[in-house]
Amino acid sequence: MVVVCEHLKSCAERGYLDKEFDILKAIFRASVLRVHRSKFCQFIMFYACSLDPKICGLEFAFFLTEIFLNKEEDPISRMSAVSYVGSYLSRARFISADTVLAILKKIVDWCDEYCVLQNRGTTANPNHQIFYGACQAVMYVLCFRLRSIMDYPNLKAQLFQLSFGFILNHRLEPLKVCLPSIVNEFLRQAKDAGLFAASMYSAAEDAIESDLSRAFGGINRLDTFFPFDPYLLKESDRYIRPNFEFWSMVKTTYSNDKDDDDDELLDLDAPEMNVGSLDDHVEIDINSDDDELEYSMNKMSITPHHSFYHGMAADGGDAGLSMPARIRPSASPPSRWAMSGSP
């Protein structure tokens, strides 16, 4: 990783990064996007984007979004793409709030259209995994970026025009399927920001806590990985960390509201593991090199072994999934583009 990062840094300094980035993007599309539980190689794209945020950084975000929106793409690629773009927008500090909102609008508009088509009975997919993945990605991004969007009056006005209420209250019930930790944190921040009518929160909370939710969700809840979870290779960490948003750095809409509930916050910096097996923090061993750490990380799954992707690839159905642990805060230390898509 150090050799690759130094090469990319040299390309950026000599004005060649755009050519290298085109090659990297093609490799990512062909060999990384669909890989189950990729841990490190995607960070090559992250670092390249950080070297040229206005071109490479934006291009990668819209590249991923185009894959998700393209109904001709296979389901696994679309699901993976929306997971990547959600994680990327959440973690990349060099992506501006207006760009984040522009992409969120495209995803939310797709979800809105999907719900409308579902009401008309014109959707063929009985499982709706791509829809649920998109809903989860939107909520995940807003856990990290809602406060920064709300800080700009014009962006706030645009955000409030998106049809969150219609989508989240739809009979497909995404709040019951998406990860509870993400749903709860999103609802907490959205409530503080006044994103929905007051009645929406009560209904959402009742739905999440209902017996129907537990029966409908349970081990079959949507479970997807977040490709840009904190980077754990010590020797090359210095290339990623300056441009990486740790959960402990996030200013939430309730940041001035410190109370006992803080102990219950999800840790959006922690790898997902089975309930009861998650430590508060994942530390980088300063005495081990990248190879040793990578070996140890092979024992740690970013997503449960019985994953959404495997079930989708096998039979298109909802495979049994392990529930992730609740996540707690880690102590780890802002051009617009256009495109279109349809469900």
Protein backbone atom coordinates (compact mmCIF):
# COMPACT_ATOMS: atom_id res chain seq x y z
CA MET A 1 0.00 0.00 0.00
CA VAL A 2 2.85 2.39 0.79
CA VAL A 3 4.41 1.81 -2.64
CA VAL A 4 1.09 2.36 -4.42
CA CYS A 5 0.30 5.50 -2.42
CA GLU A 6 3.74 6.96 -3.09
CA HIS A 7 3.31 6.26 -6.80
CA LEU A 8 -0.08 8.00 -6.85
CA LYS A 9 1.34 10.93 -4.91
CA SER A 10 4.13 11.25 -7.47
CA CYS A 11 1.62 11.10 -10.34
CA ALA A 12 -0.40 13.89 -8.74
CA GLU A 13 2.70 16.04 -8.31
CA ARG A 14 3.65 15.55 -11.98
CA GLY A 15 0.13 16.07 -13.32
CA TYR A 16 -0.45 12.47 -14.40
CA LEU A 17 -3.04 11.44 -11.83
CA ASP A 18 -6.01 11.68 -14.20
CA LYS A 19 -4.55 8.99 -16.48
CA GLU A 20 -3.71 6.73 -13.56
CA PHE A 21 -7.17 7.28 -12.09
CA ASP A 22 -8.88 6.08 -15.27
CA ILE A 23 -6.89 2.85 -15.02
CA LEU A 24 -7.65 2.48 -11.32
CA LYS A 25 -11.35 3.04 -11.92
CA ALA A 26 -11.45 0.32 -14.59
CA ILE A 27 -9.65 -2.12 -12.29
CA PHE A 28 -11.99 -1.27 -9.43
CA ARG A 29 -15.04 -1.83 -11.64
CA ALA A 30 -13.81 -5.17 -12.92
CA SER A 31 -12.06 -6.66 -9.90
CA VAL A 32 -13.04 -4.95 -6.65
CA LEU A 33 -16.64 -3.73 -6.74
CA ARG A 34 -18.20 -7.19 -6.43
CA VAL A 35 -15.60 -8.67 -4.08
CA HIS A 36 -17.10 -9.89 -0.83
CA ARG A 37 -15.71 -8.17 2.27
CA SER A 38 -12.81 -6.36 0.59
CA LYS A 39 -10.84 -4.73 3.39
CA PHE A 40 -8.02 -2.63 2.00
CA CYS A 41 -7.67 -2.33 -1.79
CA GLN A 42 -10.63 0.08 -2.07
CA PHE A 43 -8.60 2.58 -0.06
CA ILE A 44 -6.32 3.00 -3.09
CA MET A 45 -9.30 4.69 -4.75
CA PHE A 46 -9.96 6.70 -1.59
CA TYR A 47 -6.39 8.02 -1.51
CA ALA A 48 -6.34 8.80 -5.24
CA CYS A 49 -9.58 10.75 -4.83
CA SER A 50 -8.15 12.70 -1.90
CA LEU A 51 -5.23 13.84 -4.09
CA ASP A 52 -7.65 15.53 -6.54
CA PRO A 53 -11.02 16.00 -4.83
CA LYS A 54 -12.49 18.31 -7.46
CA ILE A 55 -11.98 15.86 -10.32
CA CYS A 56 -11.18 12.36 -9.10
CA GLY A 57 -13.11 12.74 -5.86
CA LEU A 58 -16.29 13.79 -7.62
CA GLU A 59 -15.82 11.39 -10.52
CA PHE A 60 -15.64 8.38 -8.21
CA ALA A 61 -18.79 9.39 -6.31
CA PHE A 62 -20.83 9.85 -9.48
CA PHE A 63 -19.30 6.75 -11.07
CA LEU A 64 -20.63 4.65 -8.19
CA THR A 65 -24.00 6.38 -8.28
CA GLU A 66 -24.36 5.70 -12.01
CA ILE A 67 -23.82 1.99 -11.43
CA PHE A 68 -26.48 1.96 -8.73
CA LEU A 69 -29.00 3.85 -10.87
CA ASN A 70 -28.44 1.71 -13.97
CA LYS A 71 -31.19 -0.91 -14.11
CA GLU A 72 -29.16 -2.87 -16.68
CA GLU A 73 -26.48 -3.60 -14.08
CA ASP A 74 -26.67 -6.86 -12.15
CA PRO A 75 -28.18 -6.68 -8.63
CA ILE A 76 -24.95 -7.42 -6.79
CA SER A 77 -23.10 -4.62 -8.57
CA ARG A 78 -25.92 -2.16 -7.86
CA MET A 79 -26.11 -3.15 -4.22
CA SER A 80 -22.36 -2.96 -3.81
CA ALA A 81 -22.21 0.41 -5.58
CA VAL A 82 -24.76 1.99 -3.27
CA SER A 83 -22.90 0.59 -0.26
CA TYR A 84 -19.65 2.06 -1.58
CA VAL A 85 -21.11 5.49 -2.34
CA GLY A 86 -22.80 5.62 1.06
CA SER A 87 -19.60 4.76 2.89
CA TYR A 88 -17.51 7.07 0.69
CA LEU A 89 -19.73 10.14 1.19
CA SER A 90 -19.74 9.48 4.92
CA ARG A 91 -15.99 9.09 5.35
CA ALA A 92 -14.37 11.33 2.71
CA ARG A 93 -13.74 14.70 4.37
CA PHE A 94 -12.81 16.22 0.99
CA ILE A 95 -16.34 15.78 -0.43
CA SER A 96 -18.40 18.96 0.04
CA ALA A 97 -21.84 19.13 1.62
CA ASP A 98 -23.44 20.25 -1.64
CA THR A 99 -22.02 17.24 -3.48
CA VAL A 100 -23.24 14.93 -0.75
CA LEU A 101 -26.73 16.38 -1.03
CA ALA A 102 -26.72 16.20 -4.84
CA ILE A 103 -26.00 12.47 -4.73
CA LEU A 104 -28.41 11.85 -1.87
CA LYS A 105 -31.12 13.51 -3.94
CA LYS A 106 -30.49 11.10 -6.81
CA ILE A 107 -30.71 8.10 -4.50
CA VAL A 108 -33.78 9.39 -2.63
CA ASP A 109 -35.52 10.22 -5.92
CA TRP A 110 -34.84 6.66 -7.08
CA CYS A 111 -36.30 5.29 -3.84
CA ASP A 112 -39.34 7.52 -4.23
CA GLU A 113 -39.93 6.27 -7.78
CA TYR A 114 -39.44 2.69 -6.64
CA CYS A 115 -42.14 3.12 -3.99
CA VAL A 116 -44.51 4.64 -6.53
CA LEU A 117 -43.93 1.73 -8.92
CA GLN A 118 -44.45 -0.69 -6.07
CA ASN A 119 -47.80 0.92 -5.30
CA ARG A 120 -48.77 0.39 -8.94
CA GLY A 121 -47.66 -3.21 -8.78
CA THR A 122 -45.19 -2.74 -11.62
CA THR A 123 -41.98 -3.94 -9.94
CA ALA A 124 -40.83 -7.48 -10.69
CA ASN A 125 -38.38 -8.02 -7.82
CA PRO A 126 -40.14 -9.55 -4.80
CA ASN A 127 -37.19 -9.09 -2.46
CA HIS A 128 -36.44 -5.35 -2.76
CA GLN A 129 -32.83 -5.69 -1.52
CA ILE A 130 -31.55 -2.87 -3.72
CA PHE A 131 -34.26 -0.58 -2.36
CA TYR A 132 -33.42 -1.45 1.21
CA GLY A 133 -29.71 -1.01 0.54
CA ALA A 134 -30.36 2.45 -0.90
CA CYS A 135 -32.45 3.45 2.13
CA GLN A 136 -29.72 2.26 4.46
CA ALA A 137 -27.02 4.11 2.54
CA VAL A 138 -29.02 7.36 2.72
CA MET A 139 -29.54 7.05 6.47
CA TYR A 140 -25.90 6.12 7.01
CA VAL A 141 -24.67 9.19 5.11
CA LEU A 142 -26.99 11.45 7.06
CA CYS A 143 -25.72 10.07 10.34
CA PHE A 144 -22.35 11.57 9.34
CA ARG A 145 -23.35 14.57 7.21
CA LEU A 146 -26.76 15.85 8.35
CA ARG A 147 -25.30 18.55 10.59
CA SER A 148 -22.94 19.83 7.88
CA ILE A 149 -25.82 20.01 5.37
CA MET A 150 -28.06 21.79 7.88
CA ASP A 151 -25.36 24.45 8.39
CA TYR A 152 -26.09 25.83 4.89
CA PRO A 153 -29.60 27.37 4.61
CA ASN A 154 -29.89 26.68 0.88
CA LEU A 155 -28.87 23.04 1.32
CA LYS A 156 -31.15 22.66 4.31
CA ALA A 157 -34.09 23.88 2.22
CA GLN A 158 -33.27 21.34 -0.50
CA LEU A 159 -32.91 18.54 2.03
CA PHE A 160 -36.33 19.28 3.54
CA GLN A 161 -37.89 18.91 0.07
CA LEU A 162 -36.83 15.27 -0.26
CA SER A 163 -39.53 12.65 0.28
CA PHE A 164 -38.08 10.89 3.31
CA GLY A 165 -41.45 10.53 5.03
CA PHE A 166 -43.12 8.86 2.04
CA ILE A 167 -40.26 6.39 1.61
CA LEU A 168 -39.65 5.48 5.24
CA ASN A 169 -43.38 5.09 5.96
CA HIS A 170 -44.01 3.04 2.83
CA ARG A 171 -45.49 -0.43 3.20
CA LEU A 172 -42.09 -1.90 2.27
CA GLU A 173 -41.11 -0.75 5.78
CA PRO A 174 -37.38 -0.05 5.32
CA LEU A 175 -37.03 1.00 8.96
CA LYS A 176 -37.74 -2.60 9.96
CA VAL A 177 -35.19 -4.06 7.57
CA CYS A 178 -32.19 -1.72 7.75
CA LEU A 179 -29.66 -2.07 10.56
CA PRO A 180 -31.25 -0.89 13.83
CA SER A 181 -28.10 0.94 14.92
CA ILE A 182 -28.17 3.10 11.78
CA VAL A 183 -31.94 3.59 11.91
CA ASN A 184 -31.88 4.70 15.55
CA GLU A 185 -29.01 7.16 15.08
CA PHE A 186 -30.60 8.58 11.93
CA LEU A 187 -33.96 9.06 13.63
CA ARG A 188 -32.33 10.72 16.62
CA GLN A 189 -30.53 13.27 14.47
CA ALA A 190 -33.51 13.77 12.13
CA LYS A 191 -35.78 14.43 15.10
CA ASP A 192 -33.40 16.99 16.54
CA ALA A 193 -33.13 18.67 13.12
CA GLY A 194 -36.90 18.69 12.62
CA LEU A 195 -36.56 16.79 9.36
CA PHE A 196 -39.99 15.18 9.70
CA ALA A 197 -43.34 15.96 11.27
CA ALA A 198 -43.46 14.99 14.95
CA SER A 199 -45.96 12.20 14.29
CA MET A 200 -43.44 10.51 11.99
CA TYR A 201 -41.02 9.76 14.82
CA SER A 202 -43.61 8.22 17.07
CA ALA A 203 -44.80 5.97 14.28
CA ALA A 204 -41.23 5.04 13.33
CA GLU A 205 -40.24 4.23 16.89
CA ASP A 206 -43.35 2.13 17.37
CA ALA A 207 -42.59 0.24 14.17
CA ILE A 208 -39.00 -0.47 15.18
CA GLU A 209 -40.03 -1.72 18.60
CA SER A 210 -43.04 -3.75 17.46
CA ASP A 211 -43.24 -7.52 17.57
CA LEU A 212 -43.89 -7.40 13.84
CA SER A 213 -40.58 -5.63 13.34
CA ARG A 214 -38.70 -8.25 15.28
CA ALA A 215 -40.47 -11.04 13.41
CA PHE A 216 -40.06 -9.39 10.00
CA GLY A 217 -36.48 -8.40 10.69
CA GLY A 218 -34.69 -10.68 13.07
CA ILE A 219 -31.89 -12.59 11.42
CA ASN A 220 -33.25 -11.54 8.01
CA ARG A 221 -32.60 -7.84 8.46
CA LEU A 222 -30.63 -6.19 5.71
CA ASP A 223 -26.96 -6.53 6.47
CA THR A 224 -24.35 -4.92 4.25
CA PHE A 225 -20.76 -3.92 4.70
CA PHE A 226 -19.39 -0.40 4.77
CA PRO A 227 -16.28 -0.50 2.55
CA PHE A 228 -14.64 2.58 4.03
CA ASP A 229 -14.79 1.61 7.66
CA PRO A 230 -11.66 2.80 9.52
CA TYR A 231 -8.42 1.81 7.83
CA LEU A 232 -6.33 -0.60 9.90
CA LEU A 233 -2.94 -0.87 8.20
CA LYS A 234 -0.36 0.94 10.31
CA GLU A 235 2.39 1.65 7.76
CA SER A 236 0.05 3.25 5.21
CA ASP A 237 -2.41 4.82 7.67
CA ARG A 238 -0.72 8.21 7.24
CA TYR A 239 -2.02 8.45 3.66
CA ILE A 240 -5.64 7.87 4.66
CA ARG A 241 -6.12 9.41 8.10
CA PRO A 242 -5.81 13.15 7.22
CA ASN A 243 -8.81 12.93 4.88
CA PHE A 244 -10.85 10.36 6.80
CA GLU A 245 -13.90 11.16 8.93
CA PHE A 246 -13.96 9.16 12.13
CA TRP A 247 -17.25 8.90 13.97
CA SER A 248 -15.70 10.60 16.99
CA MET A 249 -15.10 13.67 14.79
CA VAL A 250 -18.70 13.96 13.58
CA LYS A 251 -20.79 16.93 14.71
CA THR A 252 -24.27 15.57 15.09
CA THR A 253 -27.46 17.62 15.22
CA TYR A 254 -27.59 16.90 18.94
CA SER A 255 -23.88 17.55 19.63
CA ASN A 256 -24.67 20.00 22.43
CA ASP A 257 -27.02 17.53 24.07
CA LYS A 258 -24.77 15.40 26.23
CA ASP A 259 -26.65 12.94 28.41
CA ASP A 260 -26.59 9.41 29.64
CA ASP A 261 -27.81 8.15 26.29
CA ASP A 262 -24.37 8.84 24.82
CA ASP A 263 -23.20 5.49 26.16
CA GLU A 264 -25.77 3.84 23.92
CA LEU A 265 -24.61 5.51 20.69
CA LEU A 266 -23.75 3.33 17.78
CA ASP A 267 -20.08 3.18 16.98
CA LEU A 268 -19.89 3.83 13.27
CA ASP A 269 -16.15 3.27 13.45
CA ALA A 270 -16.24 -0.35 14.56
CA PRO A 271 -16.16 -3.47 12.38
CA GLU A 272 -19.44 -5.34 12.46
CA MET A 273 -19.31 -8.56 14.42
CA ASN A 274 -21.78 -10.83 16.10
CA VAL A 275 -23.75 -9.47 19.04
CA GLY A 276 -21.82 -9.66 22.26
CA SER A 277 -18.40 -10.05 20.65
CA LEU A 278 -17.52 -6.44 19.89
CA ASP A 279 -14.93 -4.50 21.85
CA ASP A 280 -15.38 -0.76 22.27
CA HIS A 281 -12.46 0.03 19.99
CA VAL A 282 -10.29 -1.60 17.37
CA GLU A 283 -6.73 -0.46 17.91
CA ILE A 284 -3.85 -0.57 15.44
CA ASP A 285 -0.93 -2.50 16.86
CA ILE A 286 2.00 -0.13 16.55
CA ASN A 287 4.38 -3.08 16.78
CA SER A 288 3.01 -4.92 13.76
CA ASP A 289 3.50 -4.16 10.08
CA ASP A 290 0.89 -4.12 7.32
CA ASP A 291 1.31 -7.80 6.47
CA GLU A 292 0.93 -8.96 10.05
CA LEU A 293 -2.09 -6.79 10.61
CA GLU A 294 -3.68 -7.94 7.37
CA TYR A 295 -3.20 -11.54 8.47
CA SER A 296 -4.89 -10.86 11.79
CA MET A 297 -7.69 -8.97 10.09
CA ASN A 298 -8.43 -12.00 7.91
CA LYS A 299 -9.92 -13.48 11.05
CA MET A 300 -12.21 -10.49 11.53
CA SER A 301 -15.22 -10.11 9.25
CA ILE A 302 -16.34 -6.63 8.26
CA THR A 303 -19.67 -8.31 7.54
CA PRO A 304 -21.12 -11.54 8.89
CA HIS A 305 -20.22 -14.68 6.98
CA HIS A 306 -23.85 -15.35 5.99
CA SER A 307 -24.14 -12.15 4.07
CA PHE A 308 -26.74 -10.44 1.95
CA TYR A 309 -24.50 -10.77 -1.09
CA HIS A 310 -24.15 -14.53 -0.85
CA GLY A 311 -27.90 -15.02 -0.56
CA MET A 312 -28.48 -12.75 -3.49
CA ALA A 313 -25.95 -14.54 -5.65
CA ALA A 314 -27.30 -17.95 -4.73
CA ASP A 315 -31.01 -17.63 -5.32
CA GLY A 316 -32.08 -13.99 -5.19
CA GLY A 317 -33.75 -14.61 -1.86
CA ASP A 318 -33.23 -13.29 1.64
CA ALA A 319 -30.52 -15.40 3.20
CA GLY A 320 -30.19 -15.68 6.95
CA LEU A 321 -27.95 -12.95 8.28
CA SER A 322 -26.13 -12.35 11.54
CA MET A 323 -27.08 -9.24 13.41
CA PRO A 324 -24.24 -6.73 13.86
CA ALA A 325 -23.31 -5.43 17.27
CA ARG A 326 -24.42 -2.01 18.43
CA ILE A 327 -21.65 0.45 17.64
CA ARG A 328 -20.21 2.93 20.11
CA PRO A 329 -18.07 6.05 19.61
CA SER A 330 -14.41 5.51 18.86
CA ALA A 331 -11.67 7.53 20.46
CA SER A 332 -9.84 7.90 17.11
CA PRO A 333 -8.35 11.10 16.57
CA PRO A 334 -17.10 21.04 1.18
CA SER A 335 -18.93 21.47 -8.94
CA ARG A 336 -21.97 19.72 -9.31
CA TRP A 337 -22.46 17.02 -11.88
CA ALA A 338 -25.63 15.72 -13.46
CA MET A 339 -26.86 12.34 -14.48
CA SER A 340 -30.03 10.37 -14.50
CA GLY A 341 -31.23 6.89 -13.75
CA SER A 342 -34.33 4.82 -13.20
CA PRO A 343 -35.24 1.91 -10.97
